[in-house]
Amino acid sequence: MEQNERIMQALAALNSADENERAVGIRVLGEERYTAAVPQLLDLLESGDPGTRFMIVTALGKMGDESAVPALLVELQGSDPWVRVAATGALITIGTTAVPGLVEGLRHEDKAVRRASAKALGKIGETDADALRGLSAALLDVDSAVRRFAAEALGRLGDESYVSVIAEVLSDVDPDARIAAFRALASIGTPEAQTAMRNWVKSS
């Protein structure tokens, strides 16, 4: 089957009453990275069940179209954990355009959203000033996993001016957060970071 015919069949399947046909259509459009279908997928996303939304979000991630960012941020903040994971991956793929929304996500009331936002910001790797400040504030989050992901993200971003705030996490009550801070400092590797690491090892 030629590519164009495959795409046309997939587009037609989006309007099918058969959920299996719709699922195949969504998957094919994602595989083909057919970005012209993004508006249709976004319309379907609003009324879809969790399984359908998961497939649509996954397809949107493969397409990497920036116009999908607002909808993906909504799905990131939704209640379904699998859809949230897919939305996180899609936003990471799209990259820079998603950063402002992810920074806002660091302040969301749901800790799962804050965790996903911190993780995504680290993997996108954009040294945006708002992202750095947001991640720095997240080091004080009440949730230990948010603190851990924020430390990991700051380590990936590698901004030397945040060494001192990362070093403070070395005294965190959560061992995983402490390890994340240690690795972040090792990644940054400045003399200040190395001194903080040595002091922590001596005191442990």
C-alpha atoms as a PDB file:
ATOM      1  CA  MET A   1       0.000   0.000   0.000  1.00  0.00           C
ATOM      2  CA  GLU A   2       1.362   3.405  -0.974  1.00  0.00           C
ATOM      3  CA  GLN A   3       1.976   5.975   1.740  1.00  0.00           C
ATOM      4  CA  ASN A   4      -0.702   8.391   0.508  1.00  0.00           C
ATOM      5  CA  GLU A   5      -3.336   5.659   0.405  1.00  0.00           C
ATOM      6  CA  ARG A   6      -2.345   4.514   3.895  1.00  0.00           C
ATOM      7  CA  ILE A   7      -2.732   8.060   5.217  1.00  0.00           C
ATOM      8  CA  MET A   8      -6.099   8.571   3.519  1.00  0.00           C
ATOM      9  CA  GLN A   9      -7.418   5.359   5.046  1.00  0.00           C
ATOM     10  CA  ALA A  10      -6.127   6.428   8.449  1.00  0.00           C
ATOM     11  CA  LEU A  11      -7.841   9.805   8.179  1.00  0.00           C
ATOM     12  CA  ALA A  12     -11.114   8.114   7.236  1.00  0.00           C
ATOM     13  CA  ALA A  13     -10.755   5.755  10.192  1.00  0.00           C
ATOM     14  CA  LEU A  14     -10.796   8.692  12.616  1.00  0.00           C
ATOM     15  CA  ASN A  15     -14.516   9.076  11.882  1.00  0.00           C
ATOM     16  CA  SER A  16     -15.281   5.380  12.242  1.00  0.00           C
ATOM     17  CA  ALA A  17     -17.736   4.141  14.865  1.00  0.00           C
ATOM     18  CA  ASP A  18     -15.414   1.176  15.407  1.00  0.00           C
ATOM     19  CA  GLU A  19     -12.895   2.003  18.142  1.00  0.00           C
ATOM     20  CA  ASN A  20     -10.385  -0.502  16.788  1.00  0.00           C
ATOM     21  CA  GLU A  21     -10.440   1.171  13.372  1.00  0.00           C
ATOM     22  CA  ARG A  22      -9.970   4.568  15.024  1.00  0.00           C
ATOM     23  CA  ALA A  23      -7.051   3.204  17.021  1.00  0.00           C
ATOM     24  CA  VAL A  24      -5.353   1.910  13.877  1.00  0.00           C
ATOM     25  CA  GLY A  25      -5.908   5.254  12.162  1.00  0.00           C
ATOM     26  CA  ILE A  26      -4.390   7.179  15.050  1.00  0.00           C
ATOM     27  CA  ARG A  27      -1.395   4.859  15.181  1.00  0.00           C
ATOM     28  CA  VAL A  28      -0.760   5.102  11.434  1.00  0.00           C
ATOM     29  CA  LEU A  29      -0.945   8.902  11.432  1.00  0.00           C
ATOM     30  CA  GLY A  30       1.572   9.003  14.246  1.00  0.00           C
ATOM     31  CA  GLU A  31       3.902   6.582  12.508  1.00  0.00           C
ATOM     32  CA  GLU A  32       3.699   8.629   9.309  1.00  0.00           C
ATOM     33  CA  ARG A  33       4.173  11.859  11.284  1.00  0.00           C
ATOM     34  CA  TYR A  34       1.306  13.335   9.306  1.00  0.00           C
ATOM     35  CA  THR A  35       1.084  16.753  10.976  1.00  0.00           C
ATOM     36  CA  ALA A  36      -1.826  17.889   8.798  1.00  0.00           C
ATOM     37  CA  ALA A  37      -3.979  15.580  10.949  1.00  0.00           C
ATOM     38  CA  VAL A  38      -3.135  17.399  14.174  1.00  0.00           C
ATOM     39  CA  PRO A  39      -6.371  19.482  14.235  1.00  0.00           C
ATOM     40  CA  GLN A  40      -8.492  16.356  13.802  1.00  0.00           C
ATOM     41  CA  LEU A  41      -6.579  14.516  16.491  1.00  0.00           C
ATOM     42  CA  LEU A  42      -6.979  17.438  18.882  1.00  0.00           C
ATOM     43  CA  ASP A  43     -10.739  17.452  18.274  1.00  0.00           C
ATOM     44  CA  LEU A  44     -10.885  13.725  18.960  1.00  0.00           C
ATOM     45  CA  LEU A  45      -8.747  14.170  22.052  1.00  0.00           C
ATOM     46  CA  GLU A  46     -11.394  16.277  23.770  1.00  0.00           C
ATOM     47  CA  SER A  47     -14.030  13.541  23.674  1.00  0.00           C
ATOM     48  CA  GLY A  48     -11.906  10.411  23.785  1.00  0.00           C
ATOM     49  CA  ASP A  49     -11.732   7.804  26.523  1.00  0.00           C
ATOM     50  CA  PRO A  50      -8.399   7.347  28.378  1.00  0.00           C
ATOM     51  CA  GLY A  51      -7.197   4.656  25.971  1.00  0.00           C
ATOM     52  CA  THR A  52      -7.946   6.766  22.925  1.00  0.00           C
ATOM     53  CA  ARG A  53      -6.368   9.840  24.526  1.00  0.00           C
ATOM     54  CA  PHE A  54      -3.228   7.830  25.273  1.00  0.00           C
ATOM     55  CA  MET A  55      -2.928   6.814  21.628  1.00  0.00           C
ATOM     56  CA  ILE A  56      -3.583  10.345  20.379  1.00  0.00           C
ATOM     57  CA  VAL A  57      -1.047  11.883  22.752  1.00  0.00           C
ATOM     58  CA  THR A  58       1.514   9.266  21.709  1.00  0.00           C
ATOM     59  CA  ALA A  59       0.852  10.063  18.041  1.00  0.00           C
ATOM     60  CA  LEU A  60       1.155  13.802  18.690  1.00  0.00           C
ATOM     61  CA  GLY A  61       4.511  13.177  20.336  1.00  0.00           C
ATOM     62  CA  LYS A  62       5.758  11.372  17.235  1.00  0.00           C
ATOM     63  CA  MET A  63       4.579  14.258  15.065  1.00  0.00           C
ATOM     64  CA  GLY A  64       6.316  16.843  17.256  1.00  0.00           C
ATOM     65  CA  ASP A  65       3.996  19.640  16.161  1.00  0.00           C
ATOM     66  CA  GLU A  66       4.179  22.726  18.381  1.00  0.00           C
ATOM     67  CA  SER A  67       0.485  23.520  17.907  1.00  0.00           C
ATOM     68  CA  ALA A  68      -0.320  20.505  20.093  1.00  0.00           C
ATOM     69  CA  VAL A  69       1.480  21.888  23.154  1.00  0.00           C
ATOM     70  CA  PRO A  70      -1.557  23.509  24.862  1.00  0.00           C
ATOM     71  CA  ALA A  71      -3.587  20.304  24.587  1.00  0.00           C
ATOM     72  CA  LEU A  72      -0.655  18.187  25.741  1.00  0.00           C
ATOM     73  CA  LEU A  73      -0.227  20.404  28.801  1.00  0.00           C
ATOM     74  CA  VAL A  74      -3.896  19.817  29.633  1.00  0.00           C
ATOM     75  CA  GLU A  75      -3.358  16.062  29.375  1.00  0.00           C
ATOM     76  CA  LEU A  76      -0.240  16.351  31.537  1.00  0.00           C
ATOM     77  CA  GLN A  77      -2.440  17.799  34.261  1.00  0.00           C
ATOM     78  CA  GLY A  78      -5.175  15.201  33.855  1.00  0.00           C
ATOM     79  CA  SER A  79      -6.014  12.359  36.212  1.00  0.00           C
ATOM     80  CA  ASP A  80      -4.968   9.402  34.049  1.00  0.00           C
ATOM     81  CA  PRO A  81      -1.363   8.387  34.854  1.00  0.00           C
ATOM     82  CA  TRP A  82      -0.712   6.638  31.520  1.00  0.00           C
ATOM     83  CA  VAL A  83      -1.922   9.619  29.513  1.00  0.00           C
ATOM     84  CA  ARG A  84       0.261  11.859  31.701  1.00  0.00           C
ATOM     85  CA  VAL A  85       3.320   9.721  30.945  1.00  0.00           C
ATOM     86  CA  ALA A  86       2.586   9.915  27.224  1.00  0.00           C
ATOM     87  CA  ALA A  87       2.033  13.680  27.425  1.00  0.00           C
ATOM     88  CA  THR A  88       5.318  14.116  29.270  1.00  0.00           C
ATOM     89  CA  GLY A  89       7.167  12.239  26.546  1.00  0.00           C
ATOM     90  CA  ALA A  90       5.417  14.205  23.811  1.00  0.00           C
ATOM     91  CA  LEU A  91       6.282  17.540  25.412  1.00  0.00           C
ATOM     92  CA  ILE A  92       9.906  16.472  25.790  1.00  0.00           C
ATOM     93  CA  THR A  93       9.990  15.612  22.075  1.00  0.00           C
ATOM     94  CA  ILE A  94       8.522  18.986  21.089  1.00  0.00           C
ATOM     95  CA  GLY A  95      10.969  20.772  23.352  1.00  0.00           C
ATOM     96  CA  THR A  96      11.431  24.513  23.814  1.00  0.00           C
ATOM     97  CA  THR A  97       7.862  25.569  23.064  1.00  0.00           C
ATOM     98  CA  ALA A  98       6.645  23.458  25.986  1.00  0.00           C
ATOM     99  CA  VAL A  99       8.957  25.068  28.557  1.00  0.00           C
ATOM    100  CA  PRO A 100       6.687  27.921  29.784  1.00  0.00           C
ATOM    101  CA  GLY A 101       3.799  25.539  30.416  1.00  0.00           C
ATOM    102  CA  LEU A 102       6.073  23.077  32.195  1.00  0.00           C
ATOM    103  CA  VAL A 103       7.405  25.849  34.422  1.00  0.00           C
ATOM    104  CA  GLU A 104       3.806  26.560  35.414  1.00  0.00           C
ATOM    105  CA  GLY A 105       3.393  22.845  36.037  1.00  0.00           C
ATOM    106  CA  LEU A 106       6.041  23.037  38.752  1.00  0.00           C
ATOM    107  CA  ARG A 107       3.490  24.963  40.833  1.00  0.00           C
ATOM    108  CA  HIS A 108       0.535  22.635  40.191  1.00  0.00           C
ATOM    109  CA  GLU A 109      -1.360  21.320  43.206  1.00  0.00           C
ATOM    110  CA  ASP A 110      -0.915  17.705  42.048  1.00  0.00           C
ATOM    111  CA  LYS A 111       2.512  16.359  42.943  1.00  0.00           C
ATOM    112  CA  ALA A 112       2.407  13.998  39.954  1.00  0.00           C
ATOM    113  CA  VAL A 113       2.176  16.999  37.634  1.00  0.00           C
ATOM    114  CA  ARG A 114       5.035  18.741  39.434  1.00  0.00           C
ATOM    115  CA  ARG A 115       7.165  15.611  39.142  1.00  0.00           C
ATOM    116  CA  ALA A 116       6.456  15.234  35.431  1.00  0.00           C
ATOM    117  CA  SER A 117       7.151  18.913  34.793  1.00  0.00           C
ATOM    118  CA  ALA A 118      10.511  18.821  36.572  1.00  0.00           C
ATOM    119  CA  LYS A 119      11.530  15.648  34.757  1.00  0.00           C
ATOM    120  CA  ALA A 120      10.520  17.071  31.376  1.00  0.00           C
ATOM    121  CA  LEU A 121      12.357  20.361  31.893  1.00  0.00           C
ATOM    122  CA  GLY A 122      15.548  18.491  32.661  1.00  0.00           C
ATOM    123  CA  LYS A 123      15.262  16.305  29.582  1.00  0.00           C
ATOM    124  CA  ILE A 124      14.404  19.197  27.262  1.00  0.00           C
ATOM    125  CA  GLY A 125      17.589  20.868  28.465  1.00  0.00           C
ATOM    126  CA  GLU A 126      16.604  24.454  27.724  1.00  0.00           C
ATOM    127  CA  THR A 127      18.534  26.826  30.022  1.00  0.00           C
ATOM    128  CA  ASP A 128      15.598  29.209  30.243  1.00  0.00           C
ATOM    129  CA  ALA A 129      15.835  31.655  33.159  1.00  0.00           C
ATOM    130  CA  ASP A 130      12.266  30.945  34.283  1.00  0.00           C
ATOM    131  CA  ALA A 131      12.902  27.210  34.112  1.00  0.00           C
ATOM    132  CA  LEU A 132      16.032  27.538  36.235  1.00  0.00           C
ATOM    133  CA  ARG A 133      14.241  29.636  38.825  1.00  0.00           C
ATOM    134  CA  GLY A 134      11.265  27.295  38.859  1.00  0.00           C
ATOM    135  CA  LEU A 135      13.448  24.228  39.325  1.00  0.00           C
ATOM    136  CA  SER A 136      15.407  25.983  42.050  1.00  0.00           C
ATOM    137  CA  ALA A 137      12.163  26.700  43.915  1.00  0.00           C
ATOM    138  CA  ALA A 138      11.099  23.080  43.375  1.00  0.00           C
ATOM    139  CA  LEU A 139      14.096  21.961  45.429  1.00  0.00           C
ATOM    140  CA  LEU A 140      12.004  23.078  48.421  1.00  0.00           C
ATOM    141  CA  ASP A 141       8.880  21.178  47.377  1.00  0.00           C
ATOM    142  CA  VAL A 142       7.049  19.210  50.064  1.00  0.00           C
ATOM    143  CA  ASP A 143       7.266  16.112  47.846  1.00  0.00           C
ATOM    144  CA  SER A 144      10.643  14.373  47.925  1.00  0.00           C
ATOM    145  CA  ALA A 145      10.343  13.070  44.355  1.00  0.00           C
ATOM    146  CA  VAL A 146       9.776  16.595  43.054  1.00  0.00           C
ATOM    147  CA  ARG A 147      12.922  17.695  44.881  1.00  0.00           C
ATOM    148  CA  ARG A 148      14.836  14.780  43.390  1.00  0.00           C
ATOM    149  CA  PHE A 149      13.668  15.438  39.826  1.00  0.00           C
ATOM    150  CA  ALA A 150      14.388  19.156  40.222  1.00  0.00           C
ATOM    151  CA  ALA A 151      17.939  18.432  41.370  1.00  0.00           C
ATOM    152  CA  GLU A 152      18.457  16.033  38.465  1.00  0.00           C
ATOM    153  CA  ALA A 153      17.127  18.623  36.033  1.00  0.00           C
ATOM    154  CA  LEU A 154      19.386  21.369  37.339  1.00  0.00           C
ATOM    155  CA  GLY A 155      22.325  19.009  37.006  1.00  0.00           C
ATOM    156  CA  ARG A 156      21.443  18.386  33.354  1.00  0.00           C
ATOM    157  CA  LEU A 157      21.022  22.098  32.670  1.00  0.00           C
ATOM    158  CA  GLY A 158      24.450  22.686  34.212  1.00  0.00           C
ATOM    159  CA  ASP A 159      24.092  26.317  35.276  1.00  0.00           C
ATOM    160  CA  GLU A 160      26.965  27.040  37.668  1.00  0.00           C
ATOM    161  CA  SER A 161      25.075  29.783  39.496  1.00  0.00           C
ATOM    162  CA  TYR A 162      22.754  27.180  41.046  1.00  0.00           C
ATOM    163  CA  VAL A 163      25.482  25.095  42.694  1.00  0.00           C
ATOM    164  CA  SER A 164      24.839  26.513  46.160  1.00  0.00           C
ATOM    165  CA  VAL A 165      21.099  25.762  46.124  1.00  0.00           C
ATOM    166  CA  ILE A 166      21.712  22.250  44.799  1.00  0.00           C
ATOM    167  CA  ALA A 167      24.300  21.723  47.549  1.00  0.00           C
ATOM    168  CA  GLU A 168      21.633  22.442  50.159  1.00  0.00           C
ATOM    169  CA  VAL A 169      19.772  19.348  48.987  1.00  0.00           C
ATOM    170  CA  LEU A 170      22.704  17.247  50.180  1.00  0.00           C
ATOM    171  CA  SER A 171      21.153  17.582  53.647  1.00  0.00           C
ATOM    172  CA  ASP A 172      17.668  16.561  52.464  1.00  0.00           C
ATOM    173  CA  VAL A 173      15.813  14.022  54.596  1.00  0.00           C
ATOM    174  CA  ASP A 174      15.233  11.863  51.525  1.00  0.00           C
ATOM    175  CA  PRO A 175      18.248   9.750  50.465  1.00  0.00           C
ATOM    176  CA  ASP A 176      17.223   9.716  46.788  1.00  0.00           C
ATOM    177  CA  ALA A 177      17.086  13.514  46.748  1.00  0.00           C
ATOM    178  CA  ARG A 178      20.549  13.660  48.342  1.00  0.00           C
ATOM    179  CA  ILE A 179      21.967  11.281  45.738  1.00  0.00           C
ATOM    180  CA  ALA A 180      20.353  13.284  42.941  1.00  0.00           C
ATOM    181  CA  ALA A 181      21.919  16.470  44.302  1.00  0.00           C
ATOM    182  CA  PHE A 182      25.330  14.786  44.534  1.00  0.00           C
ATOM    183  CA  ARG A 183      25.102  13.604  40.928  1.00  0.00           C
ATOM    184  CA  ALA A 184      23.936  17.032  39.799  1.00  0.00           C
ATOM    185  CA  LEU A 185      26.945  18.647  41.428  1.00  0.00           C
ATOM    186  CA  ALA A 186      29.238  16.048  39.856  1.00  0.00           C
ATOM    187  CA  SER A 187      27.713  16.844  36.470  1.00  0.00           C
ATOM    188  CA  ILE A 188      28.308  20.579  36.891  1.00  0.00           C
ATOM    189  CA  GLY A 189      31.816  19.884  38.170  1.00  0.00           C
ATOM    190  CA  THR A 190      32.952  23.379  39.185  1.00  0.00           C
ATOM    191  CA  PRO A 191      35.387  23.822  42.096  1.00  0.00           C
ATOM    192  CA  GLU A 192      32.470  24.997  44.257  1.00  0.00           C
ATOM    193  CA  ALA A 193      30.492  21.889  43.337  1.00  0.00           C
ATOM    194  CA  GLN A 194      33.443  19.606  44.044  1.00  0.00           C
ATOM    195  CA  THR A 195      34.010  21.240  47.436  1.00  0.00           C
ATOM    196  CA  ALA A 196      30.363  20.706  48.370  1.00  0.00           C
ATOM    197  CA  MET A 197      30.627  17.064  47.343  1.00  0.00           C
ATOM    198  CA  ARG A 198      33.798  16.493  49.372  1.00  0.00           C
ATOM    199  CA  ASN A 199      32.278  18.125  52.449  1.00  0.00           C
ATOM    200  CA  TRP A 200      29.192  15.968  52.146  1.00  0.00           C
ATOM    201  CA  VAL A 201      31.252  12.772  51.829  1.00  0.00           C
ATOM    202  CA  LYS A 202      33.297  13.714  54.909  1.00  0.00           C
ATOM    203  CA  SER A 203      30.205  14.397  56.976  1.00  0.00           C
ATOM    204  CA  SER A 204      28.362  11.239  55.892  1.00  0.00           C
END
